[in-house]
């Protein structure tokens, strides 16, 4: 069958322009999650590709017992588009889209693209259903953020294949809104109902506790221990998330030089980001006019557009928060581009000199950073240094 209406207007998301990232995308345009699903457990299909223009398009589906097709139809009735290339990513539930179809033990997933002159097959893969539950993916317990919901945070805890989570945002009056959910991971997929718990304001005498309200649903697709995709069906509380597939990254700031990825996830998991937040003495040694000064470093935010980047801003200690930052430190993962994982010193000035440095995550010890820096001199002993005060 083919739906009378499209599944939805596809979202425009960031995508690396690096050839390695493009090659990875081309090999994994359509994928099954879990790879070998069960008949009576959650099953999702992820589609990732890019429109040749920024006008985007729409997504349709066709389903039979032996096949499930996703068809991307590009918009062709306009001459003005906002971008040359616009990536998209969508997560669908084939059973929900085609409840009348009884899928066979083995089916074919197909992705077709229609640029206006007929649909062409871009990728297909075979999916077999199983009676055996796939092993649960592993998530890191901690705090997760997405740039698509600027004021929101997701907190996750995993015990075995059971996952509990809390989602925080703020209402129009600035009050906190907490949603809670719990569920079981089936392979790399979790589907859980969300409940909103009401604030109990009982101070001087007992009062009845309000029952929680149903607040929608959350779906998680686990990429690795530090990255996941989330779909939120809670538009009353999160209108910015309505119909969008959100990319979350885990925040894990630790004061330790041991920042290597777990062996089980080598090549996919991000190493833990070093903790620059706090009060430091900063400066450049080895220069005749070098000086050191106290600074306060704060975490500014991250972007999940490749390369994934965490930004820290350093301000003069005791200065007005509105004062421009003295310098920045960007930590990013560029393994798809050049195999590197490290941090970069941005906009640091020593007198009339502009200084640059790039260093590995592991260069930050618990209380000190000391790395070579280029300030336009030939002195190999010039180093950028931080000494922690708190």
Protein backbone atom coordinates (compact mmCIF):
# COMPACT_ATOMS: atom_id res chain seq x y z
CA UNK A 1 0.00 0.00 0.00
CA UNK A 2 1.04 3.61 -0.41
CA UNK A 3 -0.03 6.20 2.12
CA UNK A 4 -2.44 8.87 0.87
CA UNK A 5 -0.49 11.47 2.81
CA UNK A 6 3.23 11.70 3.51
CA UNK A 7 4.66 10.47 6.78
CA UNK A 8 5.91 13.99 7.41
CA UNK A 9 8.01 16.81 6.09
CA UNK A 10 11.57 15.72 6.68
CA UNK A 11 13.80 17.65 9.02
CA UNK A 12 16.92 19.41 7.87
CA UNK A 13 19.83 18.36 10.08
CA UNK A 14 23.57 18.91 9.99
CA UNK A 15 25.84 16.51 8.15
CA UNK A 16 29.60 16.39 7.79
CA UNK A 17 30.95 17.41 4.42
CA UNK A 18 33.96 15.14 4.85
CA UNK A 19 34.25 12.32 2.35
CA UNK A 20 34.53 9.71 5.12
CA UNK A 21 31.29 10.87 6.69
CA UNK A 22 29.56 10.88 3.31
CA UNK A 23 30.81 7.37 2.57
CA UNK A 24 29.52 6.14 5.91
CA UNK A 25 26.13 7.71 5.21
CA UNK A 26 25.90 6.18 1.74
CA UNK A 27 26.53 2.71 3.19
CA UNK A 28 23.90 3.11 5.93
CA UNK A 29 21.06 5.08 4.40
CA UNK A 30 18.41 2.68 5.67
CA UNK A 31 18.86 0.43 8.70
CA UNK A 32 16.82 -1.82 10.98
CA UNK A 33 16.86 -1.40 14.76
CA UNK A 34 17.40 -3.89 16.26
CA UNK A 35 19.20 -5.47 13.31
CA UNK A 36 17.26 -8.70 13.98
CA UNK A 37 13.98 -7.66 15.62
CA UNK A 38 11.37 -9.75 17.41
CA UNK A 39 7.77 -9.91 16.25
CA UNK A 40 6.30 -8.72 19.55
CA UNK A 41 8.94 -6.17 20.55
CA UNK A 42 9.77 -2.61 19.43
CA UNK A 43 11.17 -2.30 15.91
CA UNK A 44 12.24 0.89 14.16
CA UNK A 45 13.68 1.77 10.76
CA UNK A 46 16.13 4.66 10.47
CA UNK A 47 16.55 6.53 7.18
CA UNK A 48 19.38 9.03 6.65
CA UNK A 49 20.22 10.82 3.42
CA UNK A 50 20.39 14.30 1.94
CA UNK A 51 18.32 16.36 -0.47
CA UNK A 52 20.33 17.83 -3.38
CA UNK A 53 18.75 21.23 -2.60
CA UNK A 54 17.56 22.97 0.54
CA UNK A 55 13.92 22.75 -0.52
CA UNK A 56 13.61 19.37 1.19
CA UNK A 57 10.77 17.00 0.41
CA UNK A 58 8.36 14.48 1.83
CA UNK A 59 8.43 10.82 2.81
CA UNK A 60 6.00 8.10 1.73
CA UNK A 61 5.85 4.39 2.43
CA UNK A 62 4.69 1.16 0.82
CA UNK A 63 4.26 -2.08 2.76
CA UNK A 64 3.55 -5.72 1.94
CA UNK A 65 4.16 -8.89 3.94
CA UNK A 66 7.58 -9.35 2.29
CA UNK A 67 8.72 -5.75 1.82
CA UNK A 68 8.75 -2.32 3.44
CA UNK A 69 9.65 0.68 1.27
CA UNK A 70 10.48 4.25 2.28
CA UNK A 71 10.21 6.69 -0.62
CA UNK A 72 11.73 10.17 -0.40
CA UNK A 73 10.12 12.57 -2.88
CA UNK A 74 12.07 15.79 -3.43
CA UNK A 75 10.30 19.14 -3.74
CA UNK A 76 10.60 20.28 -7.35
CA UNK A 77 7.98 23.04 -7.69
CA UNK A 78 10.14 25.93 -6.47
CA UNK A 79 13.17 27.74 -7.88
CA UNK A 80 14.53 29.23 -4.64
CA UNK A 81 16.09 26.94 -2.04
CA UNK A 82 17.94 28.01 1.14
CA UNK A 83 20.89 25.62 0.85
CA UNK A 84 22.77 23.57 -1.71
CA UNK A 85 22.52 20.32 0.26
CA UNK A 86 20.15 19.59 3.15
CA UNK A 87 20.58 16.35 5.11
CA UNK A 88 17.60 14.58 6.65
CA UNK A 89 17.07 11.82 9.19
CA UNK A 90 13.83 10.09 10.20
CA UNK A 91 12.88 7.18 12.47
CA UNK A 92 9.69 5.23 11.71
CA UNK A 93 7.71 2.32 13.14
CA UNK A 94 6.64 0.10 10.19
CA UNK A 95 3.98 -1.68 12.27
CA UNK A 96 2.41 1.63 13.28
CA UNK A 97 2.43 2.91 9.69
CA UNK A 98 0.96 -0.30 8.28
CA UNK A 99 -1.02 -1.99 11.11
CA UNK A 100 -2.97 -4.11 8.63
CA UNK A 101 0.19 -5.80 7.27
CA UNK A 102 1.38 -9.07 8.82
CA UNK A 103 5.10 -9.07 8.06
CA UNK A 104 6.77 -12.34 7.05
CA UNK A 105 9.67 -13.97 8.92
CA UNK A 106 12.05 -12.29 6.49
CA UNK A 107 11.40 -9.03 4.67
CA UNK A 108 13.26 -6.62 2.44
CA UNK A 109 13.82 -3.01 3.52
CA UNK A 110 14.14 -0.66 0.57
CA UNK A 111 14.92 3.03 0.23
CA UNK A 112 13.81 4.76 -2.98
CA UNK A 113 14.44 8.36 -4.02
CA UNK A 114 12.28 10.36 -6.43
CA UNK A 115 13.78 13.58 -7.82
CA UNK A 116 10.73 14.22 -10.00
CA UNK A 117 11.38 11.72 -12.77
CA UNK A 118 10.37 8.50 -11.01
CA UNK A 119 11.58 6.61 -7.96
CA UNK A 120 14.98 4.91 -8.12
CA UNK A 121 16.26 2.30 -5.68
CA UNK A 122 19.11 3.66 -3.54
CA UNK A 123 19.55 0.89 -0.99
CA UNK A 124 17.99 -2.35 0.20
CA UNK A 125 18.74 -4.82 2.95
CA UNK A 126 17.23 -8.05 4.23
CA UNK A 127 15.79 -8.20 7.76
CA UNK A 128 14.99 -11.47 9.55
CA UNK A 129 12.76 -11.65 12.60
CA UNK A 130 13.83 -13.81 15.53
CA UNK A 131 12.37 -15.38 18.67
CA UNK A 132 15.58 -14.59 20.55
CA UNK A 133 15.90 -11.22 22.25
CA UNK A 134 18.91 -9.19 21.02
CA UNK A 135 21.44 -8.10 23.65
CA UNK A 136 20.67 -4.72 25.17
CA UNK A 137 22.87 -1.83 24.11
CA UNK A 138 24.85 -0.06 26.80
CA UNK A 139 24.25 3.55 27.79
CA UNK A 140 26.37 5.69 30.06
CA UNK A 141 24.52 6.88 33.14
CA UNK A 142 24.54 10.67 33.31
CA UNK A 143 23.29 13.91 31.78
CA UNK A 144 22.47 14.27 28.10
CA UNK A 145 21.79 17.42 26.06
CA UNK A 146 20.67 18.38 22.57
CA UNK A 147 21.08 21.79 20.89
CA UNK A 148 17.52 21.47 19.58
CA UNK A 149 16.10 21.95 23.11
CA UNK A 150 18.26 24.67 24.58
CA UNK A 151 16.78 24.69 28.10
CA UNK A 152 16.17 20.96 28.43
CA UNK A 153 18.21 18.15 29.93
CA UNK A 154 17.83 14.36 29.84
CA UNK A 155 19.09 12.25 32.74
CA UNK A 156 19.51 8.51 32.19
CA UNK A 157 20.32 5.54 34.40
CA UNK A 158 20.71 1.95 33.14
CA UNK A 159 20.64 -1.22 35.22
CA UNK A 160 21.02 -4.24 32.95
CA UNK A 161 18.51 -3.82 30.14
CA UNK A 162 16.24 -1.58 32.28
CA UNK A 163 16.52 2.17 31.70
CA UNK A 164 14.99 4.96 33.76
CA UNK A 165 15.08 8.58 32.67
CA UNK A 166 14.06 12.07 33.73
CA UNK A 167 13.47 14.93 31.29
CA UNK A 168 13.70 18.51 32.55
CA UNK A 169 12.40 21.67 30.92
CA UNK A 170 10.81 24.93 32.06
CA UNK A 171 7.29 26.27 31.59
CA UNK A 172 6.29 29.77 30.50
CA UNK A 173 6.56 31.03 34.09
CA UNK A 174 10.08 29.69 34.50
CA UNK A 175 9.02 26.81 36.72
CA UNK A 176 10.61 23.37 36.25
CA UNK A 177 8.72 20.64 34.41
CA UNK A 178 9.86 17.08 35.12
CA UNK A 179 8.85 14.09 33.02
CA UNK A 180 9.77 10.56 34.03
CA UNK A 181 9.89 7.33 32.07
CA UNK A 182 11.23 3.81 32.35
CA UNK A 183 11.45 0.88 29.99
CA UNK A 184 13.43 -2.03 28.68
CA UNK A 185 16.02 -1.81 25.93
CA UNK A 186 15.37 -4.23 23.08
CA UNK A 187 18.70 -4.26 21.31
CA UNK A 188 19.35 -0.57 20.64
CA UNK A 189 15.70 0.57 20.86
CA UNK A 190 13.72 1.78 23.86
CA UNK A 191 10.09 2.94 23.87
CA UNK A 192 8.66 4.32 27.12
CA UNK A 193 5.63 6.28 28.29
CA UNK A 194 6.31 9.61 29.98
CA UNK A 195 4.65 10.74 33.21
CA UNK A 196 4.52 14.26 34.59
CA UNK A 197 4.84 14.50 38.35
CA UNK A 198 3.30 17.54 39.98
CA UNK A 199 5.20 19.66 42.48
CA UNK A 200 3.97 19.07 46.03
CA UNK A 201 3.87 22.34 47.97
CA UNK A 202 3.12 21.16 51.50
CA UNK A 203 5.12 22.94 54.17
CA UNK A 204 3.19 23.35 57.43
CA UNK A 205 0.66 20.53 57.18
CA UNK A 206 0.09 17.28 55.26
CA UNK A 207 -1.71 17.42 51.94
CA UNK A 208 -2.71 14.78 49.37
CA UNK A 209 -0.19 13.99 46.66
CA UNK A 210 -1.44 14.50 43.12
CA UNK A 211 -1.35 11.51 40.81
CA UNK A 212 1.02 11.78 37.84
CA UNK A 213 -0.39 12.65 34.44
CA UNK A 214 0.36 10.83 31.20
CA UNK A 215 2.57 13.18 29.21
CA UNK A 216 3.38 11.38 25.97
CA UNK A 217 6.05 8.96 24.84
CA UNK A 218 9.79 8.87 24.24
CA UNK A 219 11.69 6.63 21.82
CA UNK A 220 15.46 6.18 22.07
CA UNK A 221 17.81 4.77 19.46
CA UNK A 222 21.21 4.13 21.02
CA UNK A 223 24.21 4.95 18.83
CA UNK A 224 26.97 4.28 21.35
CA UNK A 225 27.51 4.96 25.03
CA UNK A 226 27.79 8.70 24.46
CA UNK A 227 25.35 9.36 21.59
CA UNK A 228 21.69 8.59 20.93
CA UNK A 229 18.70 9.72 18.89
CA UNK A 230 15.41 10.54 20.60
CA UNK A 231 11.88 11.07 19.36
CA UNK A 232 9.56 12.93 21.77
CA UNK A 233 5.79 12.69 21.53
CA UNK A 234 5.09 15.36 24.15
CA UNK A 235 4.26 18.40 22.04
CA UNK A 236 2.24 20.14 24.77
CA UNK A 237 5.39 20.42 26.89
CA UNK A 238 8.06 20.31 24.18
CA UNK A 239 6.63 22.03 21.08
CA UNK A 240 10.13 22.47 19.61
CA UNK A 241 10.52 18.68 19.55
CA UNK A 242 7.26 17.92 17.77
CA UNK A 243 7.96 15.66 14.81
CA UNK A 244 11.74 15.99 15.14
CA UNK A 245 14.42 13.39 15.68
CA UNK A 246 16.74 14.84 18.30
CA UNK A 247 20.45 14.02 18.52
CA UNK A 248 21.67 13.81 22.12
CA UNK A 249 25.25 13.80 23.39
CA UNK A 250 26.30 12.84 26.91
CA UNK A 251 28.04 15.38 29.13
CA UNK A 252 30.83 13.82 31.15
CA UNK A 253 33.37 16.29 32.50
CA UNK A 254 36.03 14.61 34.60
CA UNK A 255 39.29 15.89 36.04
CA UNK A 256 41.43 13.03 34.90
CA UNK A 257 43.99 12.39 32.18
CA UNK A 258 42.56 8.89 31.62
CA UNK A 259 40.22 9.83 28.80
CA UNK A 260 40.32 6.83 26.51
CA UNK A 261 37.23 5.20 24.99
CA UNK A 262 36.09 1.83 26.32
CA UNK A 263 37.65 -1.08 24.43
CA UNK A 264 34.21 -2.48 23.59
CA UNK A 265 33.35 0.73 21.77
CA UNK A 266 36.72 1.61 20.28
CA UNK A 267 36.29 3.60 17.10
CA UNK A 268 32.73 4.68 17.91
CA UNK A 269 32.47 6.08 21.43
CA UNK A 270 33.68 9.58 22.19
CA UNK A 271 36.42 9.84 24.80
CA UNK A 272 35.34 11.65 27.93
CA UNK A 273 35.55 15.43 27.59
CA UNK A 274 38.09 17.10 29.92
CA UNK A 275 36.71 19.36 32.65
CA UNK A 276 37.78 22.97 32.14
CA UNK A 277 34.92 24.46 34.18
CA UNK A 278 36.12 26.45 37.20
CA UNK A 279 38.67 29.06 38.28
CA UNK A 280 42.20 28.97 36.85
CA UNK A 281 45.35 31.03 36.46
CA UNK A 282 46.06 31.24 32.72
CA UNK A 283 49.03 32.49 30.75
CA UNK A 284 51.93 31.80 28.40
CA UNK A 285 55.37 30.94 29.73
CA UNK A 286 58.59 31.44 27.78
CA UNK A 287 57.81 34.97 26.52
CA UNK A 288 59.58 38.10 27.74
CA UNK A 289 56.24 39.89 28.10
CA UNK A 290 54.31 36.84 29.24
CA UNK A 291 51.76 37.36 31.97
CA UNK A 292 49.43 35.19 34.02
CA UNK A 293 45.97 36.20 35.22
CA UNK A 294 43.06 34.53 37.02
CA UNK A 295 40.18 33.48 34.76
CA UNK A 296 36.82 31.81 35.21
CA UNK A 297 36.04 29.14 32.60
CA UNK A 298 32.45 28.12 31.91
CA UNK A 299 30.86 25.59 29.61
CA UNK A 300 29.07 27.35 26.73
CA UNK A 301 27.45 24.45 24.88
CA UNK A 302 27.93 21.90 22.14
CA UNK A 303 26.99 21.24 18.57
CA UNK A 304 26.31 17.75 17.23
CA UNK A 305 27.09 18.80 13.67
CA UNK A 306 30.28 16.94 12.73
CA UNK A 307 32.75 17.44 14.15
CA UNK A 308 31.00 17.26 17.53
CA UNK A 309 32.34 20.27 19.47
CA UNK A 310 32.18 21.29 23.12
CA UNK A 311 33.00 24.98 23.74
CA UNK A 312 34.39 26.53 26.92
CA UNK A 313 34.68 30.32 27.42
CA UNK A 314 37.27 31.96 29.69
CA UNK A 315 36.40 35.29 31.32
CA UNK A 316 38.49 37.50 33.55
CA UNK A 317 37.83 36.37 37.10
CA UNK A 318 35.50 38.84 38.81
CA UNK A 319 34.46 40.56 35.57
CA UNK A 320 30.90 41.36 34.56
CA UNK A 321 29.23 38.32 32.88
CA UNK A 322 28.44 40.55 29.89
CA UNK A 323 32.16 41.21 29.29
CA UNK A 324 33.44 39.45 26.15
CA UNK A 325 35.37 36.25 26.78
CA UNK A 326 39.16 36.43 27.06
CA UNK A 327 39.53 33.24 25.00
CA UNK A 328 37.79 29.97 24.13
CA UNK A 329 38.72 26.30 24.25
CA UNK A 330 36.97 24.04 21.73
CA UNK A 331 37.11 20.28 22.25
CA UNK A 332 35.93 18.18 19.33
CA UNK A 333 35.92 14.78 17.72
CA UNK A 334 37.35 14.90 14.20
CA UNK A 335 37.98 11.21 13.69
CA UNK A 336 35.84 11.21 10.54
CA UNK A 337 37.96 14.05 9.16
CA UNK A 338 41.54 13.36 10.24
CA UNK A 339 41.45 10.74 12.97
CA UNK A 340 42.07 13.36 15.65
CA UNK A 341 40.37 13.91 19.00
CA UNK A 342 41.50 17.03 20.81
CA UNK A 343 41.06 20.60 22.00
CA UNK A 344 42.00 23.93 20.44
CA UNK A 345 42.85 27.28 22.01
CA UNK A 346 40.81 30.02 20.30
CA UNK A 347 41.28 33.84 20.35
CA UNK A 348 44.00 33.89 23.01
CA UNK A 349 46.10 37.07 22.93
CA UNK A 350 49.39 37.70 24.72
CA UNK A 351 50.04 41.42 24.35
CA UNK A 352 49.98 42.11 20.62
CA UNK A 353 50.47 38.45 19.78
CA UNK A 354 47.75 35.99 18.80
CA UNK A 355 48.41 32.51 20.17
CA UNK A 356 47.17 29.13 18.93
CA UNK A 357 47.47 25.66 20.38
CA UNK A 358 45.95 22.26 19.75
CA UNK A 359 46.32 19.44 22.23
CA UNK A 360 44.94 16.02 23.11
CA UNK A 361 42.22 15.48 25.70
CA UNK A 362 44.77 13.67 27.84
CA UNK A 363 46.96 16.79 28.15
CA UNK A 364 44.71 18.11 30.95
CA UNK A 365 45.85 16.72 34.27
CA UNK A 366 43.69 17.08 37.36
CA UNK A 367 44.99 20.50 38.34
CA UNK A 368 47.15 21.72 35.45
CA UNK A 369 47.44 22.08 31.69
CA UNK A 370 50.79 22.78 30.02
CA UNK A 371 51.00 22.49 26.21
CA UNK A 372 53.16 23.99 23.42
CA UNK A 373 51.68 27.17 21.95
CA UNK A 374 52.45 29.21 18.83
CA UNK A 375 52.48 32.95 19.51
CA UNK A 376 54.38 33.94 16.37
CA UNK A 377 57.82 33.29 17.84
CA UNK A 378 60.42 30.64 17.14
CA UNK A 379 60.89 29.78 20.81
CA UNK A 380 60.14 26.04 21.22
CA UNK A 381 59.80 26.54 24.98
CA UNK A 382 56.69 28.71 24.73
CA UNK A 383 53.80 27.00 26.50
CA UNK A 384 50.18 27.80 27.30
CA UNK A 385 49.47 26.93 30.92
CA UNK A 386 46.48 26.66 33.25
CA UNK A 387 46.69 26.16 37.02
CA UNK A 388 43.45 25.27 38.80
CA UNK A 389 42.39 27.43 41.76
CA UNK A 390 39.27 25.56 42.93
